[in-house]
Amino acid sequence: MTHTAADGGIAAEGQVALSDSVAVIGQVATAPEHRRRGLGLLVMSHLGAAANEAGATTGLLVATVDGEALYSTVGWSTYSEVTPALLPASRVPS
């Protein structure tokens, strides 16, 4: 879901994918110059509606600290902490 600004640029966006009955939400972002205008709520509302229509019964997302306030506002709660890890491309098994 993408919300376009008046100048044609991306103001806010996000994605949702379904795996069985689990909606996985990701890449939710609002451009800095468009923040604090309710666009994050709009994106989450559209993604949630699409997930519900597709039959999702559970939602999953990995949030940054910056996104925590938005997600808690729309009813999400922290389930667990996530530890980021990096594997250099040269070490990825082929």
PDB file of N, CA and C in Angstrom:
ATOM      1  N   MET A   1       0.852  -1.156   0.000  1.00  0.00           N
ATOM      2  CA  MET A   1       0.000   0.000   0.000  1.00  0.00           C
ATOM      3  C   MET A   1       0.897   1.216   0.000  1.00  0.00           C
ATOM      4  N   THR A   2       0.662   2.123  -0.914  1.00  0.00           N
ATOM      5  CA  THR A   2       1.441   3.347  -1.013  1.00  0.00           C
ATOM      6  C   THR A   2       0.511   4.549  -0.996  1.00  0.00           C
ATOM      7  N   HIS A   3       0.857   5.539  -0.192  1.00  0.00           N
ATOM      8  CA  HIS A   3       0.129   6.806  -0.181  1.00  0.00           C
ATOM      9  C   HIS A   3       1.040   7.832  -0.842  1.00  0.00           C
ATOM     10  N   THR A   4       0.579   8.394  -1.939  1.00  0.00           N
ATOM     11  CA  THR A   4       1.381   9.326  -2.715  1.00  0.00           C
ATOM     12  C   THR A   4       1.123  10.758  -2.273  1.00  0.00           C
ATOM     13  N   ALA A   5       2.196  11.543  -2.177  1.00  0.00           N
ATOM     14  CA  ALA A   5       2.100  12.954  -1.814  1.00  0.00           C
ATOM     15  C   ALA A   5       1.643  13.768  -3.027  1.00  0.00           C
ATOM     16  N   ALA A   6       1.256  15.004  -2.797  1.00  0.00           N
ATOM     17  CA  ALA A   6       0.785  15.883  -3.860  1.00  0.00           C
ATOM     18  C   ALA A   6       1.830  16.068  -4.959  1.00  0.00           C
ATOM     19  N   ASP A   7       3.112  16.014  -4.591  1.00  0.00           N
ATOM     20  CA  ASP A   7       4.176  16.190  -5.583  1.00  0.00           C
ATOM     21  C   ASP A   7       4.504  14.902  -6.334  1.00  0.00           C
ATOM     22  N   GLY A   8       3.777  13.825  -6.057  1.00  0.00           N
ATOM     23  CA  GLY A   8       3.992  12.558  -6.734  1.00  0.00           C
ATOM     24  C   GLY A   8       4.938  11.621  -6.018  1.00  0.00           C
ATOM     25  N   GLY A   9       5.608  12.097  -4.976  1.00  0.00           N
ATOM     26  CA  GLY A   9       6.516  11.248  -4.208  1.00  0.00           C
ATOM     27  C   GLY A   9       5.755  10.356  -3.244  1.00  0.00           C
ATOM     28  N   ILE A  10       6.472   9.424  -2.648  1.00  0.00           N
ATOM     29  CA  ILE A  10       5.852   8.516  -1.677  1.00  0.00           C
ATOM     30  C   ILE A  10       5.822   9.192  -0.308  1.00  0.00           C
ATOM     31  N   ALA A  11       4.626   9.336   0.249  1.00  0.00           N
ATOM     32  CA  ALA A  11       4.467   9.930   1.576  1.00  0.00           C
ATOM     33  C   ALA A  11       4.526   8.839   2.649  1.00  0.00           C
ATOM     34  N   ALA A  12       3.892   7.700   2.395  1.00  0.00           N
ATOM     35  CA  ALA A  12       3.880   6.584   3.341  1.00  0.00           C
ATOM     36  C   ALA A  12       3.597   5.306   2.577  1.00  0.00           C
ATOM     37  N   GLU A  13       4.123   4.191   3.114  1.00  0.00           N
ATOM     38  CA  GLU A  13       3.916   2.921   2.441  1.00  0.00           C
ATOM     39  C   GLU A  13       4.088   1.763   3.403  1.00  0.00           C
ATOM     40  N   GLY A  14       3.654   0.600   2.982  1.00  0.00           N
ATOM     41  CA  GLY A  14       3.815  -0.616   3.766  1.00  0.00           C
ATOM     42  C   GLY A  14       3.387  -1.809   2.941  1.00  0.00           C
ATOM     43  N   GLN A  15       3.761  -2.995   3.408  1.00  0.00           N
ATOM     44  CA  GLN A  15       3.442  -4.230   2.694  1.00  0.00           C
ATOM     45  C   GLN A  15       2.845  -5.245   3.655  1.00  0.00           C
ATOM     46  N   VAL A  16       2.050  -6.146   3.114  1.00  0.00           N
ATOM     47  CA  VAL A  16       1.529  -7.261   3.886  1.00  0.00           C
ATOM     48  C   VAL A  16       1.551  -8.504   2.999  1.00  0.00           C
ATOM     49  N   ALA A  17       1.945  -9.617   3.595  1.00  0.00           N
ATOM     50  CA  ALA A  17       1.936 -10.911   2.904  1.00  0.00           C
ATOM     51  C   ALA A  17       1.272 -11.918   3.828  1.00  0.00           C
ATOM     52  N   LEU A  18       0.603 -12.873   3.258  1.00  0.00           N
ATOM     53  CA  LEU A  18      -0.095 -13.885   4.041  1.00  0.00           C
ATOM     54  C   LEU A  18       0.643 -15.217   3.945  1.00  0.00           C
ATOM     55  N   SER A  19       0.852 -15.843   5.086  1.00  0.00           N
ATOM     56  CA  SER A  19       1.417 -17.195   5.159  1.00  0.00           C
ATOM     57  C   SER A  19       0.439 -18.013   5.988  1.00  0.00           C
ATOM     58  N   ASP A  20      -0.282 -18.880   5.317  1.00  0.00           N
ATOM     59  CA  ASP A  20      -1.408 -19.575   5.936  1.00  0.00           C
ATOM     60  C   ASP A  20      -2.370 -18.516   6.475  1.00  0.00           C
ATOM     61  N   SER A  21      -2.593 -18.468   7.778  1.00  0.00           N
ATOM     62  CA  SER A  21      -3.520 -17.467   8.322  1.00  0.00           C
ATOM     63  C   SER A  21      -2.784 -16.342   9.055  1.00  0.00           C
ATOM     64  N   VAL A  22      -1.475 -16.236   8.823  1.00  0.00           N
ATOM     65  CA  VAL A  22      -0.667 -15.204   9.483  1.00  0.00           C
ATOM     66  C   VAL A  22      -0.351 -14.091   8.498  1.00  0.00           C
ATOM     67  N   ALA A  23      -0.725 -12.870   8.850  1.00  0.00           N
ATOM     68  CA  ALA A  23      -0.388 -11.698   8.050  1.00  0.00           C
ATOM     69  C   ALA A  23       0.956 -11.165   8.540  1.00  0.00           C
ATOM     70  N   VAL A  24       1.906 -11.070   7.627  1.00  0.00           N
ATOM     71  CA  VAL A  24       3.232 -10.548   7.956  1.00  0.00           C
ATOM     72  C   VAL A  24       3.316  -9.147   7.362  1.00  0.00           C
ATOM     73  N   ILE A  25       3.409  -8.160   8.241  1.00  0.00           N
ATOM     74  CA  ILE A  25       3.447  -6.762   7.817  1.00  0.00           C
ATOM     75  C   ILE A  25       4.883  -6.271   7.881  1.00  0.00           C
ATOM     76  N   GLY A  26       5.289  -5.533   6.848  1.00  0.00           N
ATOM     77  CA  GLY A  26       6.655  -5.049   6.831  1.00  0.00           C
ATOM     78  C   GLY A  26       6.822  -3.807   5.991  1.00  0.00           C
ATOM     79  N   GLN A  27       8.003  -3.247   6.093  1.00  0.00           N
ATOM     80  CA  GLN A  27       8.395  -2.072   5.301  1.00  0.00           C
ATOM     81  C   GLN A  27       7.428  -0.902   5.471  1.00  0.00           C
ATOM     82  N   VAL A  28       6.864  -0.750   6.665  1.00  0.00           N
ATOM     83  CA  VAL A  28       5.973   0.375   6.939  1.00  0.00           C
ATOM     84  C   VAL A  28       6.845   1.592   7.211  1.00  0.00           C
ATOM     85  N   ALA A  29       6.633   2.648   6.436  1.00  0.00           N
ATOM     86  CA  ALA A  29       7.459   3.845   6.591  1.00  0.00           C
ATOM     87  C   ALA A  29       6.679   5.071   6.139  1.00  0.00           C
ATOM     88  N   THR A  30       6.977   6.187   6.788  1.00  0.00           N
ATOM     89  CA  THR A  30       6.441   7.478   6.388  1.00  0.00           C
ATOM     90  C   THR A  30       7.617   8.403   6.146  1.00  0.00           C
ATOM     91  N   ALA A  31       7.613   9.091   5.023  1.00  0.00           N
ATOM     92  CA  ALA A  31       8.693  10.026   4.708  1.00  0.00           C
ATOM     93  C   ALA A  31       8.755  11.098   5.798  1.00  0.00           C
ATOM     94  N   PRO A  32       9.958  11.499   6.205  1.00  0.00           N
ATOM     95  CA  PRO A  32      10.101  12.460   7.315  1.00  0.00           C
ATOM     96  C   PRO A  32       9.244  13.714   7.174  1.00  0.00           C
ATOM     97  N   GLU A  33       9.138  14.246   5.978  1.00  0.00           N
ATOM     98  CA  GLU A  33       8.366  15.490   5.793  1.00  0.00           C
ATOM     99  C   GLU A  33       6.858  15.282   5.855  1.00  0.00           C
ATOM    100  N   HIS A  34       6.415  14.016   5.966  1.00  0.00           N
ATOM    101  CA  HIS A  34       4.974  13.724   6.030  1.00  0.00           C
ATOM    102  C   HIS A  34       4.557  13.084   7.353  1.00  0.00           C
ATOM    103  N   ARG A  35       5.460  13.032   8.301  1.00  0.00           N
ATOM    104  CA  ARG A  35       5.148  12.396   9.590  1.00  0.00           C
ATOM    105  C   ARG A  35       4.234  13.266  10.439  1.00  0.00           C
ATOM    106  N   ARG A  36       3.598  12.618  11.421  1.00  0.00           N
ATOM    107  CA  ARG A  36       2.698  13.272  12.387  1.00  0.00           C
ATOM    108  C   ARG A  36       1.427  13.796  11.721  1.00  0.00           C
ATOM    109  N   ARG A  37       0.981  13.117  10.651  1.00  0.00           N
ATOM    110  CA  ARG A  37      -0.238  13.507   9.941  1.00  0.00           C
ATOM    111  C   ARG A  37      -1.239  12.361   9.843  1.00  0.00           C
ATOM    112  N   GLY A  38      -0.964  11.261  10.530  1.00  0.00           N
ATOM    113  CA  GLY A  38      -1.887  10.127  10.510  1.00  0.00           C
ATOM    114  C   GLY A  38      -1.686   9.169   9.356  1.00  0.00           C
ATOM    115  N   LEU A  39      -0.638   9.354   8.561  1.00  0.00           N
ATOM    116  CA  LEU A  39      -0.441   8.469   7.416  1.00  0.00           C
ATOM    117  C   LEU A  39      -0.038   7.063   7.837  1.00  0.00           C
ATOM    118  N   GLY A  40       0.724   6.945   8.917  1.00  0.00           N
ATOM    119  CA  GLY A  40       1.077   5.623   9.425  1.00  0.00           C
ATOM    120  C   GLY A  40      -0.170   4.852   9.835  1.00  0.00           C
ATOM    121  N   LEU A  41      -1.088   5.533  10.489  1.00  0.00           N
ATOM    122  CA  LEU A  41      -2.361   4.904  10.869  1.00  0.00           C
ATOM    123  C   LEU A  41      -3.146   4.488   9.634  1.00  0.00           C
ATOM    124  N   LEU A  42      -3.140   5.333   8.610  1.00  0.00           N
ATOM    125  CA  LEU A  42      -3.841   5.027   7.368  1.00  0.00           C
ATOM    126  C   LEU A  42      -3.252   3.776   6.718  1.00  0.00           C
ATOM    127  N   VAL A  43      -1.933   3.723   6.634  1.00  0.00           N
ATOM    128  CA  VAL A  43      -1.270   2.558   6.034  1.00  0.00           C
ATOM    129  C   VAL A  43      -1.603   1.292   6.823  1.00  0.00           C
ATOM    130  N   MET A  44      -1.464   1.347   8.153  1.00  0.00           N
ATOM    131  CA  MET A  44      -1.744   0.173   8.980  1.00  0.00           C
ATOM    132  C   MET A  44      -3.204  -0.261   8.849  1.00  0.00           C
ATOM    133  N   SER A  45      -4.108   0.688   8.736  1.00  0.00           N
ATOM    134  CA  SER A  45      -5.526   0.372   8.571  1.00  0.00           C
ATOM    135  C   SER A  45      -5.769  -0.368   7.255  1.00  0.00           C
ATOM    136  N   HIS A  46      -5.174   0.120   6.179  1.00  0.00           N
ATOM    137  CA  HIS A  46      -5.334  -0.532   4.877  1.00  0.00           C
ATOM    138  C   HIS A  46      -4.702  -1.923   4.863  1.00  0.00           C
ATOM    139  N   LEU A  47      -3.512  -2.050   5.447  1.00  0.00           N
ATOM    140  CA  LEU A  47      -2.850  -3.352   5.491  1.00  0.00           C
ATOM    141  C   LEU A  47      -3.654  -4.344   6.326  1.00  0.00           C
ATOM    142  N   GLY A  48      -4.184  -3.890   7.458  1.00  0.00           N
ATOM    143  CA  GLY A  48      -4.996  -4.746   8.317  1.00  0.00           C
ATOM    144  C   GLY A  48      -6.266  -5.193   7.620  1.00  0.00           C
ATOM    145  N   ALA A  49      -6.905  -4.278   6.905  1.00  0.00           N
ATOM    146  CA  ALA A  49      -8.131  -4.625   6.177  1.00  0.00           C
ATOM    147  C   ALA A  49      -7.841  -5.652   5.084  1.00  0.00           C
ATOM    148  N   ALA A  50      -6.736  -5.466   4.369  1.00  0.00           N
ATOM    149  CA  ALA A  50      -6.363  -6.420   3.319  1.00  0.00           C
ATOM    150  C   ALA A  50      -6.072  -7.792   3.917  1.00  0.00           C
ATOM    151  N   ALA A  51      -5.391  -7.809   5.059  1.00  0.00           N
ATOM    152  CA  ALA A  51      -5.076  -9.075   5.722  1.00  0.00           C
ATOM    153  C   ALA A  51      -6.351  -9.776   6.184  1.00  0.00           C
ATOM    154  N   ASN A  52      -7.256  -9.014   6.770  1.00  0.00           N
ATOM    155  CA  ASN A  52      -8.526  -9.607   7.221  1.00  0.00           C
ATOM    156  C   ASN A  52      -9.313 -10.179   6.054  1.00  0.00           C
ATOM    157  N   GLU A  53      -9.385  -9.435   4.955  1.00  0.00           N
ATOM    158  CA  GLU A  53     -10.108  -9.910   3.773  1.00  0.00           C
ATOM    159  C   GLU A  53      -9.503 -11.197   3.222  1.00  0.00           C
ATOM    160  N   ALA A  54      -8.180 -11.342   3.374  1.00  0.00           N
ATOM    161  CA  ALA A  54      -7.494 -12.530   2.866  1.00  0.00           C
ATOM    162  C   ALA A  54      -7.571 -13.708   3.829  1.00  0.00           C
ATOM    163  N   GLY A  55      -8.184 -13.499   4.999  1.00  0.00           N
ATOM    164  CA  GLY A  55      -8.386 -14.599   5.936  1.00  0.00           C
ATOM    165  C   GLY A  55      -7.385 -14.689   7.072  1.00  0.00           C
ATOM    166  N   ALA A  56      -6.598 -13.657   7.280  1.00  0.00           N
ATOM    167  CA  ALA A  56      -5.621 -13.673   8.373  1.00  0.00           C
ATOM    168  C   ALA A  56      -6.327 -13.706   9.721  1.00  0.00           C
ATOM    169  N   THR A  57      -5.783 -14.495  10.628  1.00  0.00           N
ATOM    170  CA  THR A  57      -6.306 -14.539  11.993  1.00  0.00           C
ATOM    171  C   THR A  57      -5.261 -14.060  12.998  1.00  0.00           C
ATOM    172  N   THR A  58      -4.015 -13.911  12.534  1.00  0.00           N
ATOM    173  CA  THR A  58      -2.906 -13.466  13.383  1.00  0.00           C
ATOM    174  C   THR A  58      -2.051 -12.503  12.579  1.00  0.00           C
ATOM    175  N   GLY A  59      -1.485 -11.517  13.266  1.00  0.00           N
ATOM    176  CA  GLY A  59      -0.588 -10.576  12.607  1.00  0.00           C
ATOM    177  C   GLY A  59       0.800 -10.665  13.191  1.00  0.00           C
ATOM    178  N   LEU A  60       1.808 -10.429  12.358  1.00  0.00           N
ATOM    179  CA  LEU A  60       3.198 -10.464  12.781  1.00  0.00           C
ATOM    180  C   LEU A  60       3.940  -9.314  12.124  1.00  0.00           C
ATOM    181  N   LEU A  61       4.725  -8.600  12.913  1.00  0.00           N
ATOM    182  CA  LEU A  61       5.617  -7.594  12.356  1.00  0.00           C
ATOM    183  C   LEU A  61       6.824  -7.445  13.267  1.00  0.00           C
ATOM    184  N   VAL A  62       7.904  -6.981  12.696  1.00  0.00           N
ATOM    185  CA  VAL A  62       9.107  -6.663  13.466  1.00  0.00           C
ATOM    186  C   VAL A  62       9.235  -5.154  13.404  1.00  0.00           C
ATOM    187  N   ALA A  63       9.176  -4.505  14.561  1.00  0.00           N
ATOM    188  CA  ALA A  63       9.150  -3.048  14.620  1.00  0.00           C
ATOM    189  C   ALA A  63      10.479  -2.467  15.080  1.00  0.00           C
ATOM    190  N   THR A  64      10.756  -1.279  14.584  1.00  0.00           N
ATOM    191  CA  THR A  64      11.873  -0.508  15.118  1.00  0.00           C
ATOM    192  C   THR A  64      11.365   0.264  16.328  1.00  0.00           C
ATOM    193  N   VAL A  65      12.272   0.821  17.079  1.00  0.00           N
ATOM    194  CA  VAL A  65      11.886   1.657  18.220  1.00  0.00           C
ATOM    195  C   VAL A  65      11.040   2.830  17.734  1.00  0.00           C
ATOM    196  N   ASP A  66      11.388   3.383  16.571  1.00  0.00           N
ATOM    197  CA  ASP A  66      10.627   4.509  16.015  1.00  0.00           C
ATOM    198  C   ASP A  66       9.182   4.133  15.723  1.00  0.00           C
ATOM    199  N   GLY A  67       8.928   2.883  15.359  1.00  0.00           N
ATOM    200  CA  GLY A  67       7.575   2.466  15.011  1.00  0.00           C
ATOM    201  C   GLY A  67       6.734   1.987  16.170  1.00  0.00           C
ATOM    202  N   GLU A  68       7.357   1.784  17.329  1.00  0.00           N
ATOM    203  CA  GLU A  68       6.616   1.229  18.477  1.00  0.00           C
ATOM    204  C   GLU A  68       5.376   2.032  18.842  1.00  0.00           C
ATOM    205  N   ALA A  69       5.482   3.341  18.855  1.00  0.00           N
ATOM    206  CA  ALA A  69       4.340   4.178  19.250  1.00  0.00           C
ATOM    207  C   ALA A  69       3.161   3.988  18.294  1.00  0.00           C
ATOM    208  N   LEU A  70       3.443   3.957  17.000  1.00  0.00           N
ATOM    209  CA  LEU A  70       2.381   3.752  16.019  1.00  0.00           C
ATOM    210  C   LEU A  70       1.716   2.403  16.227  1.00  0.00           C
ATOM    211  N   TYR A  71       2.516   1.352  16.336  1.00  0.00           N
ATOM    212  CA  TYR A  71       1.946   0.010  16.430  1.00  0.00           C
ATOM    213  C   TYR A  71       1.148  -0.175  17.711  1.00  0.00           C
ATOM    214  N   SER A  72       1.622   0.372  18.814  1.00  0.00           N
ATOM    215  CA  SER A  72       0.854   0.242  20.060  1.00  0.00           C
ATOM    216  C   SER A  72      -0.451   1.030  19.972  1.00  0.00           C
ATOM    217  N   THR A  73      -0.447   2.140  19.245  1.00  0.00           N
ATOM    218  CA  THR A  73      -1.665   2.939  19.072  1.00  0.00           C
ATOM    219  C   THR A  73      -2.756   2.147  18.358  1.00  0.00           C
ATOM    220  N   VAL A  74      -2.358   1.286  17.418  1.00  0.00           N
ATOM    221  CA  VAL A  74      -3.359   0.517  16.671  1.00  0.00           C
ATOM    222  C   VAL A  74      -3.580  -0.869  17.250  1.00  0.00           C
ATOM    223  N   GLY A  75      -3.073  -1.106  18.473  1.00  0.00           N
ATOM    224  CA  GLY A  75      -3.424  -2.326  19.194  1.00  0.00           C
ATOM    225  C   GLY A  75      -2.387  -3.431  19.222  1.00  0.00           C
ATOM    226  N   TRP A  76      -1.246  -3.248  18.601  1.00  0.00           N
ATOM    227  CA  TRP A  76      -0.195  -4.259  18.630  1.00  0.00           C
ATOM    228  C   TRP A  76       0.515  -4.212  19.965  1.00  0.00           C
ATOM    229  N   SER A  77       1.044  -5.341  20.407  1.00  0.00           N
ATOM    230  CA  SER A  77       1.824  -5.375  21.637  1.00  0.00           C
ATOM    231  C   SER A  77       3.093  -6.191  21.414  1.00  0.00           C
ATOM    232  N   THR A  78       4.102  -5.885  22.187  1.00  0.00           N
ATOM    233  CA  THR A  78       5.380  -6.582  22.057  1.00  0.00           C
ATOM    234  C   THR A  78       5.237  -8.014  22.538  1.00  0.00           C
ATOM    235  N   TYR A  79       5.667  -8.938  21.715  1.00  0.00           N
ATOM    236  CA  TYR A  79       5.632 -10.356  22.048  1.00  0.00           C
ATOM    237  C   TYR A  79       7.007 -10.827  22.494  1.00  0.00           C
ATOM    238  N   SER A  80       8.041 -10.363  21.813  1.00  0.00           N
ATOM    239  CA  SER A  80       9.414 -10.709  22.180  1.00  0.00           C
ATOM    240  C   SER A  80      10.375  -9.703  21.570  1.00  0.00           C
ATOM    241  N   GLU A  81      11.575  -9.681  22.109  1.00  0.00           N
ATOM    242  CA  GLU A  81      12.630  -8.857  21.548  1.00  0.00           C
ATOM    243  C   GLU A  81      13.259  -9.611  20.373  1.00  0.00           C
ATOM    244  N   VAL A  82      13.836  -8.895  19.446  1.00  0.00           N
ATOM    245  CA  VAL A  82      14.473  -9.495  18.281  1.00  0.00           C
ATOM    246  C   VAL A  82      15.942  -9.110  18.286  1.00  0.00           C
ATOM    247  N   THR A  83      16.801 -10.061  17.980  1.00  0.00           N
ATOM    248  CA  THR A  83      18.229  -9.799  17.891  1.00  0.00           C
ATOM    249  C   THR A  83      18.638  -9.800  16.423  1.00  0.00           C
ATOM    250  N   PRO A  84      19.069  -8.639  15.903  1.00  0.00           N
ATOM    251  CA  PRO A  84      19.508  -8.624  14.511  1.00  0.00           C
ATOM    252  C   PRO A  84      20.849  -9.339  14.358  1.00  0.00           C
ATOM    253  N   ALA A  85      21.037 -10.000  13.243  1.00  0.00           N
ATOM    254  CA  ALA A  85      22.285 -10.692  12.957  1.00  0.00           C
ATOM    255  C   ALA A  85      22.666 -10.450  11.498  1.00  0.00           C
ATOM    256  N   LEU A  86      23.949 -10.491  11.210  1.00  0.00           N
ATOM    257  CA  LEU A  86      24.444 -10.242   9.864  1.00  0.00           C
ATOM    258  C   LEU A  86      25.385 -11.359   9.462  1.00  0.00           C
ATOM    259  N   LEU A  87      25.199 -11.853   8.263  1.00  0.00           N
ATOM    260  CA  LEU A  87      26.094 -12.857   7.699  1.00  0.00           C
ATOM    261  C   LEU A  87      26.639 -12.279   6.400  1.00  0.00           C
ATOM    262  N   PRO A  88      27.939 -12.027   6.313  1.00  0.00           N
ATOM    263  CA  PRO A  88      28.509 -11.487   5.074  1.00  0.00           C
ATOM    264  C   PRO A  88      28.181 -12.383   3.883  1.00  0.00           C
ATOM    265  N   ALA A  89      27.940 -11.785   2.734  1.00  0.00           N
ATOM    266  CA  ALA A  89      27.564 -12.538   1.533  1.00  0.00           C
ATOM    267  C   ALA A  89      28.579 -13.615   1.203  1.00  0.00           C
ATOM    268  N   SER A  90      29.835 -13.361   1.505  1.00  0.00           N
ATOM    269  CA  SER A  90      30.875 -14.332   1.191  1.00  0.00           C
ATOM    270  C   SER A  90      30.740 -15.620   2.009  1.00  0.00           C
ATOM    271  N   ARG A  91      29.943 -15.584   3.084  1.00  0.00           N
ATOM    272  CA  ARG A  91      29.790 -16.757   3.947  1.00  0.00           C
ATOM    273  C   ARG A  91      28.440 -17.450   3.772  1.00  0.00           C
ATOM    274  N   VAL A  92      27.581 -16.909   2.914  1.00  0.00           N
ATOM    275  CA  VAL A  92      26.272 -17.508   2.687  1.00  0.00           C
ATOM    276  C   VAL A  92      26.462 -18.799   1.893  1.00  0.00           C
ATOM    277  N   PRO A  93      25.928 -19.912   2.398  1.00  0.00           N
ATOM    278  CA  PRO A  93      26.053 -21.180   1.665  1.00  0.00           C
ATOM    279  C   PRO A  93      25.368 -21.101   0.309  1.00  0.00           C
ATOM    280  N   SER A  94      25.955 -21.702  -0.686  1.00  0.00           N
ATOM    281  CA  SER A  94      25.346 -21.674  -2.023  1.00  0.00           C
ATOM    282  C   SER A  94      24.609 -22.963  -2.313  1.00  0.00           C
TER     283      SER A  94
END
